[in-house]
Amino acid sequence: MFLVDMTFLDMDKITVELTQQHKAYLERQYQSNTLLFGGRKVPRTGGILLSQHATEQELRQVLDADPFIQSGAVSYSITEFIPVMASKDYTQILEQAGS
């Protein structure tokens, strides 16, 4: 499993149109069930994604095609982790991760 930390680099590039493209792109990824959660940081300096892609390389390919990344407005870092605890509502994620 992977935690993606996205950071805004150039707020002038974060237009309404680019944001709509970014959201539409990510929606397709959520439909494939490889992205689990995502949202804005508070304060709004970027966003966080939780991914269950099979490999970091596969995740990087998806992220590098994101309009935010392609525009140069956003960068990202990836942290791989193995989930070992979860609330009862999310135990299925632990089972899928093999914990």
PDB file of N, CA and C in Angstrom:
ATOM      1  N   MET A   1       0.854  -1.162   0.000  1.00  0.00           N
ATOM      2  CA  MET A   1       0.000   0.000   0.000  1.00  0.00           C
ATOM      3  C   MET A   1       0.903   1.228   0.000  1.00  0.00           C
ATOM      4  N   PHE A   2       0.382   2.335  -0.534  1.00  0.00           N
ATOM      5  CA  PHE A   2       1.192   3.537  -0.693  1.00  0.00           C
ATOM      6  C   PHE A   2       0.428   4.776  -0.240  1.00  0.00           C
ATOM      7  N   LEU A   3       1.159   5.673   0.409  1.00  0.00           N
ATOM      8  CA  LEU A   3       0.658   6.992   0.754  1.00  0.00           C
ATOM      9  C   LEU A   3       1.339   7.982  -0.177  1.00  0.00           C
ATOM     10  N   VAL A   4       0.551   8.766  -0.887  1.00  0.00           N
ATOM     11  CA  VAL A   4       1.088   9.766  -1.809  1.00  0.00           C
ATOM     12  C   VAL A   4       0.837  11.140  -1.205  1.00  0.00           C
ATOM     13  N   ASP A   5       1.909  11.906  -1.070  1.00  0.00           N
ATOM     14  CA  ASP A   5       1.831  13.272  -0.552  1.00  0.00           C
ATOM     15  C   ASP A   5       2.087  14.217  -1.720  1.00  0.00           C
ATOM     16  N   MET A   6       1.041  14.909  -2.156  1.00  0.00           N
ATOM     17  CA  MET A   6       1.152  15.839  -3.277  1.00  0.00           C
ATOM     18  C   MET A   6       1.301  17.257  -2.720  1.00  0.00           C
ATOM     19  N   THR A   7       2.220  18.036  -3.316  1.00  0.00           N
ATOM     20  CA  THR A   7       2.508  19.387  -2.848  1.00  0.00           C
ATOM     21  C   THR A   7       2.379  20.373  -3.993  1.00  0.00           C
ATOM     22  N   PHE A   8       1.626  21.454  -3.753  1.00  0.00           N
ATOM     23  CA  PHE A   8       1.503  22.501  -4.763  1.00  0.00           C
ATOM     24  C   PHE A   8       2.834  23.236  -4.892  1.00  0.00           C
ATOM     25  N   LEU A   9       3.296  23.403  -6.126  1.00  0.00           N
ATOM     26  CA  LEU A   9       4.532  24.122  -6.403  1.00  0.00           C
ATOM     27  C   LEU A   9       4.270  25.512  -6.962  1.00  0.00           C
ATOM     28  N   ASP A  10       3.201  25.639  -7.756  1.00  0.00           N
ATOM     29  CA  ASP A  10       2.904  26.899  -8.438  1.00  0.00           C
ATOM     30  C   ASP A  10       1.395  27.111  -8.449  1.00  0.00           C
ATOM     31  N   MET A  11       0.903  27.870  -7.478  1.00  0.00           N
ATOM     32  CA  MET A  11      -0.540  28.095  -7.353  1.00  0.00           C
ATOM     33  C   MET A  11      -1.124  28.819  -8.562  1.00  0.00           C
ATOM     34  N   ASP A  12      -0.314  29.589  -9.278  1.00  0.00           N
ATOM     35  CA  ASP A  12      -0.812  30.282 -10.469  1.00  0.00           C
ATOM     36  C   ASP A  12      -1.223  29.301 -11.558  1.00  0.00           C
ATOM     37  N   LYS A  13      -0.655  28.111 -11.549  1.00  0.00           N
ATOM     38  CA  LYS A  13      -1.001  27.086 -12.540  1.00  0.00           C
ATOM     39  C   LYS A  13      -2.238  26.282 -12.144  1.00  0.00           C
ATOM     40  N   ILE A  14      -2.652  26.380 -10.883  1.00  0.00           N
ATOM     41  CA  ILE A  14      -3.794  25.603 -10.391  1.00  0.00           C
ATOM     42  C   ILE A  14      -5.084  26.343 -10.767  1.00  0.00           C
ATOM     43  N   THR A  15      -5.480  26.216 -12.008  1.00  0.00           N
ATOM     44  CA  THR A  15      -6.690  26.867 -12.505  1.00  0.00           C
ATOM     45  C   THR A  15      -7.903  25.965 -12.273  1.00  0.00           C
ATOM     46  N   VAL A  16      -9.079  26.533 -12.442  1.00  0.00           N
ATOM     47  CA  VAL A  16     -10.311  25.747 -12.333  1.00  0.00           C
ATOM     48  C   VAL A  16     -10.299  24.634 -13.375  1.00  0.00           C
ATOM     49  N   GLU A  17      -9.887  24.961 -14.591  1.00  0.00           N
ATOM     50  CA  GLU A  17      -9.854  23.963 -15.666  1.00  0.00           C
ATOM     51  C   GLU A  17      -8.882  22.828 -15.341  1.00  0.00           C
ATOM     52  N   LEU A  18      -7.688  23.170 -14.875  1.00  0.00           N
ATOM     53  CA  LEU A  18      -6.701  22.138 -14.540  1.00  0.00           C
ATOM     54  C   LEU A  18      -7.202  21.273 -13.383  1.00  0.00           C
ATOM     55  N   THR A  19      -7.832  21.892 -12.398  1.00  0.00           N
ATOM     56  CA  THR A  19      -8.376  21.144 -11.266  1.00  0.00           C
ATOM     57  C   THR A  19      -9.458  20.173 -11.726  1.00  0.00           C
ATOM     58  N   GLN A  20     -10.314  20.599 -12.647  1.00  0.00           N
ATOM     59  CA  GLN A  20     -11.346  19.711 -13.187  1.00  0.00           C
ATOM     60  C   GLN A  20     -10.720  18.535 -13.936  1.00  0.00           C
ATOM     61  N   GLN A  21      -9.664  18.796 -14.700  1.00  0.00           N
ATOM     62  CA  GLN A  21      -8.970  17.725 -15.426  1.00  0.00           C
ATOM     63  C   GLN A  21      -8.354  16.732 -14.443  1.00  0.00           C
ATOM     64  N   HIS A  22      -7.734  17.256 -13.401  1.00  0.00           N
ATOM     65  CA  HIS A  22      -7.124  16.426 -12.357  1.00  0.00           C
ATOM     66  C   HIS A  22      -8.179  15.530 -11.697  1.00  0.00           C
ATOM     67  N   LYS A  23      -9.307  16.115 -11.317  1.00  0.00           N
ATOM     68  CA  LYS A  23     -10.364  15.344 -10.654  1.00  0.00           C
ATOM     69  C   LYS A  23     -10.945  14.281 -11.580  1.00  0.00           C
ATOM     70  N   ALA A  24     -11.145  14.619 -12.843  1.00  0.00           N
ATOM     71  CA  ALA A  24     -11.675  13.641 -13.812  1.00  0.00           C
ATOM     72  C   ALA A  24     -10.688  12.497 -14.000  1.00  0.00           C
ATOM     73  N   TYR A  25      -9.410  12.821 -14.056  1.00  0.00           N
ATOM     74  CA  TYR A  25      -8.380  11.796 -14.208  1.00  0.00           C
ATOM     75  C   TYR A  25      -8.376  10.865 -12.991  1.00  0.00           C
ATOM     76  N   LEU A  26      -8.389  11.443 -11.799  1.00  0.00           N
ATOM     77  CA  LEU A  26      -8.372  10.610 -10.590  1.00  0.00           C
ATOM     78  C   LEU A  26      -9.637   9.778 -10.456  1.00  0.00           C
ATOM     79  N   GLU A  27     -10.769  10.318 -10.890  1.00  0.00           N
ATOM     80  CA  GLU A  27     -12.025   9.556 -10.812  1.00  0.00           C
ATOM     81  C   GLU A  27     -11.899   8.239 -11.571  1.00  0.00           C
ATOM     82  N   ARG A  28     -11.248   8.260 -12.712  1.00  0.00           N
ATOM     83  CA  ARG A  28     -11.038   7.018 -13.473  1.00  0.00           C
ATOM     84  C   ARG A  28     -10.171   6.045 -12.677  1.00  0.00           C
ATOM     85  N   GLN A  29      -9.217   6.559 -11.929  1.00  0.00           N
ATOM     86  CA  GLN A  29      -8.355   5.701 -11.111  1.00  0.00           C
ATOM     87  C   GLN A  29      -9.142   5.101  -9.946  1.00  0.00           C
ATOM     88  N   TYR A  30     -10.035   5.879  -9.351  1.00  0.00           N
ATOM     89  CA  TYR A  30     -10.870   5.348  -8.274  1.00  0.00           C
ATOM     90  C   TYR A  30     -11.789   4.256  -8.792  1.00  0.00           C
ATOM     91  N   GLN A  31     -12.279   4.405 -10.013  1.00  0.00           N
ATOM     92  CA  GLN A  31     -13.153   3.388 -10.597  1.00  0.00           C
ATOM     93  C   GLN A  31     -12.415   2.071 -10.810  1.00  0.00           C
ATOM     94  N   SER A  32     -11.103   2.137 -11.018  1.00  0.00           N
ATOM     95  CA  SER A  32     -10.315   0.914 -11.183  1.00  0.00           C
ATOM     96  C   SER A  32      -9.990   0.265  -9.835  1.00  0.00           C
ATOM     97  N   ASN A  33     -10.368   0.948  -8.737  1.00  0.00           N
ATOM     98  CA  ASN A  33     -10.197   0.438  -7.378  1.00  0.00           C
ATOM     99  C   ASN A  33      -8.738   0.346  -6.940  1.00  0.00           C
ATOM    100  N   THR A  34      -7.861   1.107  -7.584  1.00  0.00           N
ATOM    101  CA  THR A  34      -6.466   1.130  -7.155  1.00  0.00           C
ATOM    102  C   THR A  34      -6.184   2.309  -6.230  1.00  0.00           C
ATOM    103  N   LEU A  35      -6.947   3.376  -6.369  1.00  0.00           N
ATOM    104  CA  LEU A  35      -6.889   4.469  -5.402  1.00  0.00           C
ATOM    105  C   LEU A  35      -8.040   4.280  -4.429  1.00  0.00           C
ATOM    106  N   LEU A  36      -7.740   4.390  -3.137  1.00  0.00           N
ATOM    107  CA  LEU A  36      -8.750   4.145  -2.109  1.00  0.00           C
ATOM    108  C   LEU A  36      -9.363   5.419  -1.558  1.00  0.00           C
ATOM    109  N   PHE A  37      -8.513   6.382  -1.228  1.00  0.00           N
ATOM    110  CA  PHE A  37      -8.953   7.633  -0.625  1.00  0.00           C
ATOM    111  C   PHE A  37      -8.102   8.764  -1.167  1.00  0.00           C
ATOM    112  N   GLY A  38      -8.633   9.958  -1.094  1.00  0.00           N
ATOM    113  CA  GLY A  38      -7.859  11.133  -1.458  1.00  0.00           C
ATOM    114  C   GLY A  38      -8.552  12.378  -0.959  1.00  0.00           C
ATOM    115  N   GLY A  39      -7.773  13.424  -0.791  1.00  0.00           N
ATOM    116  CA  GLY A  39      -8.364  14.684  -0.362  1.00  0.00           C
ATOM    117  C   GLY A  39      -7.326  15.767  -0.198  1.00  0.00           C
ATOM    118  N   ARG A  40      -7.827  16.955   0.099  1.00  0.00           N
ATOM    119  CA  ARG A  40      -6.980  18.136   0.269  1.00  0.00           C
ATOM    120  C   ARG A  40      -6.286  18.120   1.623  1.00  0.00           C
ATOM    121  N   LYS A  41      -5.095  18.690   1.648  1.00  0.00           N
ATOM    122  CA  LYS A  41      -4.432  18.955   2.920  1.00  0.00           C
ATOM    123  C   LYS A  41      -5.057  20.209   3.531  1.00  0.00           C
ATOM    124  N   VAL A  42      -4.966  20.316   4.848  1.00  0.00           N
ATOM    125  CA  VAL A  42      -5.398  21.505   5.564  1.00  0.00           C
ATOM    126  C   VAL A  42      -4.205  22.009   6.350  1.00  0.00           C
ATOM    127  N   PRO A  43      -3.701  23.210   6.060  1.00  0.00           N
ATOM    128  CA  PRO A  43      -4.158  24.149   5.046  1.00  0.00           C
ATOM    129  C   PRO A  43      -3.927  23.599   3.635  1.00  0.00           C
ATOM    130  N   ARG A  44      -4.549  24.238   2.653  1.00  0.00           N
ATOM    131  CA  ARG A  44      -4.559  23.721   1.278  1.00  0.00           C
ATOM    132  C   ARG A  44      -3.208  23.955   0.590  1.00  0.00           C
ATOM    133  N   THR A  45      -2.288  23.035   0.857  1.00  0.00           N
ATOM    134  CA  THR A  45      -0.952  23.097   0.257  1.00  0.00           C
ATOM    135  C   THR A  45      -0.704  21.924  -0.678  1.00  0.00           C
ATOM    136  N   GLY A  46      -1.736  21.109  -0.888  1.00  0.00           N
ATOM    137  CA  GLY A  46      -1.606  19.926  -1.729  1.00  0.00           C
ATOM    138  C   GLY A  46      -2.679  18.924  -1.364  1.00  0.00           C
ATOM    139  N   GLY A  47      -2.364  17.654  -1.554  1.00  0.00           N
ATOM    140  CA  GLY A  47      -3.335  16.613  -1.269  1.00  0.00           C
ATOM    141  C   GLY A  47      -2.664  15.318  -0.856  1.00  0.00           C
ATOM    142  N   ILE A  48      -3.478  14.393  -0.387  1.00  0.00           N
ATOM    143  CA  ILE A  48      -3.016  13.071   0.046  1.00  0.00           C
ATOM    144  C   ILE A  48      -3.843  12.018  -0.681  1.00  0.00           C
ATOM    145  N   LEU A  49      -3.183  10.969  -1.146  1.00  0.00           N
ATOM    146  CA  LEU A  49      -3.856   9.828  -1.763  1.00  0.00           C
ATOM    147  C   LEU A  49      -3.421   8.560  -1.048  1.00  0.00           C
ATOM    148  N   LEU A  50      -4.318   7.607  -0.948  1.00  0.00           N
ATOM    149  CA  LEU A  50      -3.997   6.282  -0.438  1.00  0.00           C
ATOM    150  C   LEU A  50      -4.230   5.303  -1.576  1.00  0.00           C
ATOM    151  N   SER A  51      -3.198   4.526  -1.905  1.00  0.00           N
ATOM    152  CA  SER A  51      -3.229   3.672  -3.087  1.00  0.00           C
ATOM    153  C   SER A  51      -2.941   2.226  -2.724  1.00  0.00           C
ATOM    154  N   GLN A  52      -3.567   1.331  -3.490  1.00  0.00           N
ATOM    155  CA  GLN A  52      -3.235  -0.086  -3.358  1.00  0.00           C
ATOM    156  C   GLN A  52      -2.742  -0.633  -4.700  1.00  0.00           C
ATOM    157  N   HIS A  53      -1.978   0.178  -5.432  1.00  0.00           N
ATOM    158  CA  HIS A  53      -1.365  -0.305  -6.666  1.00  0.00           C
ATOM    159  C   HIS A  53      -0.433  -1.473  -6.331  1.00  0.00           C
ATOM    160  N   ALA A  54      -0.217  -2.338  -7.284  1.00  0.00           N
ATOM    161  CA  ALA A  54       0.611  -3.525  -7.055  1.00  0.00           C
ATOM    162  C   ALA A  54       2.074  -3.163  -6.826  1.00  0.00           C
ATOM    163  N   THR A  55       2.555  -2.131  -7.533  1.00  0.00           N
ATOM    164  CA  THR A  55       3.959  -1.734  -7.402  1.00  0.00           C
ATOM    165  C   THR A  55       4.072  -0.216  -7.390  1.00  0.00           C
ATOM    166  N   GLU A  56       5.175   0.270  -6.854  1.00  0.00           N
ATOM    167  CA  GLU A  56       5.435   1.707  -6.870  1.00  0.00           C
ATOM    168  C   GLU A  56       5.584   2.207  -8.304  1.00  0.00           C
ATOM    169  N   GLN A  57       6.195   1.416  -9.161  1.00  0.00           N
ATOM    170  CA  GLN A  57       6.360   1.810 -10.560  1.00  0.00           C
ATOM    171  C   GLN A  57       4.998   2.015 -11.226  1.00  0.00           C
ATOM    172  N   GLU A  58       4.067   1.113 -10.983  1.00  0.00           N
ATOM    173  CA  GLU A  58       2.713   1.240 -11.536  1.00  0.00           C
ATOM    174  C   GLU A  58       2.046   2.523 -11.034  1.00  0.00           C
ATOM    175  N   LEU A  59       2.190   2.803  -9.753  1.00  0.00           N
ATOM    176  CA  LEU A  59       1.629   4.022  -9.172  1.00  0.00           C
ATOM    177  C   LEU A  59       2.272   5.255  -9.791  1.00  0.00           C
ATOM    178  N   ARG A  60       3.591   5.251  -9.939  1.00  0.00           N
ATOM    179  CA  ARG A  60       4.285   6.402 -10.543  1.00  0.00           C
ATOM    180  C   ARG A  60       3.800   6.663 -11.967  1.00  0.00           C
ATOM    181  N   GLN A  61       3.538   5.613 -12.718  1.00  0.00           N
ATOM    182  CA  GLN A  61       3.024   5.794 -14.080  1.00  0.00           C
ATOM    183  C   GLN A  61       1.677   6.510 -14.053  1.00  0.00           C
ATOM    184  N   VAL A  62       0.834   6.138 -13.119  1.00  0.00           N
ATOM    185  CA  VAL A  62      -0.473   6.785 -12.978  1.00  0.00           C
ATOM    186  C   VAL A  62      -0.300   8.243 -12.558  1.00  0.00           C
ATOM    187  N   LEU A  63       0.529   8.484 -11.555  1.00  0.00           N
ATOM    188  CA  LEU A  63       0.724   9.848 -11.068  1.00  0.00           C
ATOM    189  C   LEU A  63       1.347  10.744 -12.131  1.00  0.00           C
ATOM    190  N   ASP A  64       2.306  10.220 -12.864  1.00  0.00           N
ATOM    191  CA  ASP A  64       2.990  11.031 -13.873  1.00  0.00           C
ATOM    192  C   ASP A  64       2.074  11.438 -15.018  1.00  0.00           C
ATOM    193  N   ALA A  65       0.958  10.738 -15.187  1.00  0.00           N
ATOM    194  CA  ALA A  65      -0.019  11.088 -16.223  1.00  0.00           C
ATOM    195  C   ALA A  65      -1.097  12.049 -15.703  1.00  0.00           C
ATOM    196  N   ASP A  66      -1.080  12.351 -14.417  1.00  0.00           N
ATOM    197  CA  ASP A  66      -2.051  13.272 -13.818  1.00  0.00           C
ATOM    198  C   ASP A  66      -1.805  14.685 -14.365  1.00  0.00           C
ATOM    199  N   PRO A  67      -2.852  15.378 -14.802  1.00  0.00           N
ATOM    200  CA  PRO A  67      -2.682  16.739 -15.321  1.00  0.00           C
ATOM    201  C   PRO A  67      -1.984  17.690 -14.343  1.00  0.00           C
ATOM    202  N   PHE A  68      -2.201  17.547 -13.045  1.00  0.00           N
ATOM    203  CA  PHE A  68      -1.493  18.384 -12.070  1.00  0.00           C
ATOM    204  C   PHE A  68       0.018  18.187 -12.181  1.00  0.00           C
ATOM    205  N   ILE A  69       0.453  16.946 -12.273  1.00  0.00           N
ATOM    206  CA  ILE A  69       1.882  16.642 -12.355  1.00  0.00           C
ATOM    207  C   ILE A  69       2.436  17.085 -13.702  1.00  0.00           C
ATOM    208  N   GLN A  70       1.723  16.783 -14.767  1.00  0.00           N
ATOM    209  CA  GLN A  70       2.195  17.138 -16.105  1.00  0.00           C
ATOM    210  C   GLN A  70       2.335  18.643 -16.287  1.00  0.00           C
ATOM    211  N   SER A  71       1.518  19.423 -15.593  1.00  0.00           N
ATOM    212  CA  SER A  71       1.578  20.881 -15.716  1.00  0.00           C
ATOM    213  C   SER A  71       2.767  21.481 -14.977  1.00  0.00           C
ATOM    214  N   GLY A  72       3.369  20.712 -14.075  1.00  0.00           N
ATOM    215  CA  GLY A  72       4.454  21.232 -13.253  1.00  0.00           C
ATOM    216  C   GLY A  72       3.961  21.995 -12.032  1.00  0.00           C
ATOM    217  N   ALA A  73       2.651  22.004 -11.806  1.00  0.00           N
ATOM    218  CA  ALA A  73       2.074  22.735 -10.680  1.00  0.00           C
ATOM    219  C   ALA A  73       2.178  21.973  -9.366  1.00  0.00           C
ATOM    220  N   VAL A  74       2.378  20.658  -9.461  1.00  0.00           N
ATOM    221  CA  VAL A  74       2.344  19.795  -8.277  1.00  0.00           C
ATOM    222  C   VAL A  74       3.480  18.776  -8.350  1.00  0.00           C
ATOM    223  N   SER A  75       4.079  18.496  -7.210  1.00  0.00           N
ATOM    224  CA  SER A  75       5.041  17.391  -7.101  1.00  0.00           C
ATOM    225  C   SER A  75       4.456  16.368  -6.137  1.00  0.00           C
ATOM    226  N   TYR A  76       5.104  15.208  -6.055  1.00  0.00           N
ATOM    227  CA  TYR A  76       4.605  14.186  -5.132  1.00  0.00           C
ATOM    228  C   TYR A  76       5.758  13.398  -4.548  1.00  0.00           C
ATOM    229  N   SER A  77       5.494  12.816  -3.386  1.00  0.00           N
ATOM    230  CA  SER A  77       6.399  11.830  -2.800  1.00  0.00           C
ATOM    231  C   SER A  77       5.545  10.625  -2.433  1.00  0.00           C
ATOM    232  N   ILE A  78       6.180   9.469  -2.446  1.00  0.00           N
ATOM    233  CA  ILE A  78       5.477   8.216  -2.174  1.00  0.00           C
ATOM    234  C   ILE A  78       6.125   7.529  -0.982  1.00  0.00           C
ATOM    235  N   THR A  79       5.287   7.073  -0.055  1.00  0.00           N
ATOM    236  CA  THR A  79       5.744   6.258   1.064  1.00  0.00           C
ATOM    237  C   THR A  79       5.010   4.930   0.989  1.00  0.00           C
ATOM    238  N   GLU A  80       5.768   3.850   0.869  1.00  0.00           N
ATOM    239  CA  GLU A  80       5.154   2.524   0.889  1.00  0.00           C
ATOM    240  C   GLU A  80       5.024   2.075   2.338  1.00  0.00           C
ATOM    241  N   PHE A  81       3.906   1.437   2.653  1.00  0.00           N
ATOM    242  CA  PHE A  81       3.732   0.921   4.006  1.00  0.00           C
ATOM    243  C   PHE A  81       2.896  -0.349   3.971  1.00  0.00           C
ATOM    244  N   ILE A  82       3.002  -1.106   5.044  1.00  0.00           N
ATOM    245  CA  ILE A  82       2.211  -2.325   5.209  1.00  0.00           C
ATOM    246  C   ILE A  82       1.219  -2.064   6.334  1.00  0.00           C
ATOM    247  N   PRO A  83      -0.066  -1.984   6.005  1.00  0.00           N
ATOM    248  CA  PRO A  83      -1.048  -1.742   7.063  1.00  0.00           C
ATOM    249  C   PRO A  83      -1.181  -2.975   7.954  1.00  0.00           C
ATOM    250  N   VAL A  84      -1.153  -2.752   9.260  1.00  0.00           N
ATOM    251  CA  VAL A  84      -1.260  -3.871  10.199  1.00  0.00           C
ATOM    252  C   VAL A  84      -2.422  -3.713  11.177  1.00  0.00           C
ATOM    253  N   MET A  85      -2.995  -2.518  11.240  1.00  0.00           N
ATOM    254  CA  MET A  85      -4.142  -2.290  12.109  1.00  0.00           C
ATOM    255  C   MET A  85      -5.150  -1.422  11.371  1.00  0.00           C
ATOM    256  N   ALA A  86      -6.431  -1.649  11.669  1.00  0.00           N
ATOM    257  CA  ALA A  86      -7.495  -0.842  11.079  1.00  0.00           C
ATOM    258  C   ALA A  86      -8.744  -0.968  11.932  1.00  0.00           C
ATOM    259  N   SER A  87      -9.626   0.005  11.793  1.00  0.00           N
ATOM    260  CA  SER A  87     -10.925  -0.113  12.455  1.00  0.00           C
ATOM    261  C   SER A  87     -11.700  -1.246  11.799  1.00  0.00           C
ATOM    262  N   LYS A  88     -12.732  -1.713  12.470  1.00  0.00           N
ATOM    263  CA  LYS A  88     -13.476  -2.863  11.956  1.00  0.00           C
ATOM    264  C   LYS A  88     -14.063  -2.598  10.576  1.00  0.00           C
ATOM    265  N   ASP A  89     -14.340  -1.344  10.257  1.00  0.00           N
ATOM    266  CA  ASP A  89     -14.906  -1.016   8.949  1.00  0.00           C
ATOM    267  C   ASP A  89     -13.898  -1.179   7.812  1.00  0.00           C
ATOM    268  N   TYR A  90     -12.612  -1.249   8.137  1.00  0.00           N
ATOM    269  CA  TYR A  90     -11.577  -1.306   7.107  1.00  0.00           C
ATOM    270  C   TYR A  90     -10.725  -2.568   7.167  1.00  0.00           C
ATOM    271  N   THR A  91     -11.166  -3.578   7.881  1.00  0.00           N
ATOM    272  CA  THR A  91     -10.374  -4.802   7.988  1.00  0.00           C
ATOM    273  C   THR A  91     -10.200  -5.494   6.640  1.00  0.00           C
ATOM    274  N   GLN A  92     -11.124  -5.288   5.720  1.00  0.00           N
ATOM    275  CA  GLN A  92     -10.992  -5.880   4.382  1.00  0.00           C
ATOM    276  C   GLN A  92      -9.714  -5.381   3.702  1.00  0.00           C
ATOM    277  N   ILE A  93      -9.355  -4.135   3.931  1.00  0.00           N
ATOM    278  CA  ILE A  93      -8.124  -3.594   3.352  1.00  0.00           C
ATOM    279  C   ILE A  93      -6.920  -4.344   3.901  1.00  0.00           C
ATOM    280  N   LEU A  94      -6.929  -4.634   5.200  1.00  0.00           N
ATOM    281  CA  LEU A  94      -5.830  -5.400   5.792  1.00  0.00           C
ATOM    282  C   LEU A  94      -5.739  -6.782   5.163  1.00  0.00           C
ATOM    283  N   GLU A  95      -6.877  -7.409   4.956  1.00  0.00           N
ATOM    284  CA  GLU A  95      -6.885  -8.744   4.354  1.00  0.00           C
ATOM    285  C   GLU A  95      -6.331  -8.704   2.937  1.00  0.00           C
ATOM    286  N   GLN A  96      -6.695  -7.687   2.171  1.00  0.00           N
ATOM    287  CA  GLN A  96      -6.192  -7.557   0.803  1.00  0.00           C
ATOM    288  C   GLN A  96      -4.693  -7.298   0.788  1.00  0.00           C
ATOM    289  N   ALA A  97      -4.208  -6.588   1.799  1.00  0.00           N
ATOM    290  CA  ALA A  97      -2.783  -6.269   1.863  1.00  0.00           C
ATOM    291  C   ALA A  97      -1.964  -7.430   2.415  1.00  0.00           C
ATOM    292  N   GLY A  98      -2.622  -8.469   2.890  1.00  0.00           N
ATOM    293  CA  GLY A  98      -1.917  -9.640   3.388  1.00  0.00           C
ATOM    294  C   GLY A  98      -1.356  -9.478   4.778  1.00  0.00           C
ATOM    295  N   SER A  99      -1.915  -8.564   5.561  1.00  0.00           N
ATOM    296  CA  SER A  99      -1.414  -8.340   6.925  1.00  0.00           C
ATOM    297  C   SER A  99      -1.947  -9.375   7.882  1.00  0.00           C
TER     298      SER A  99
END
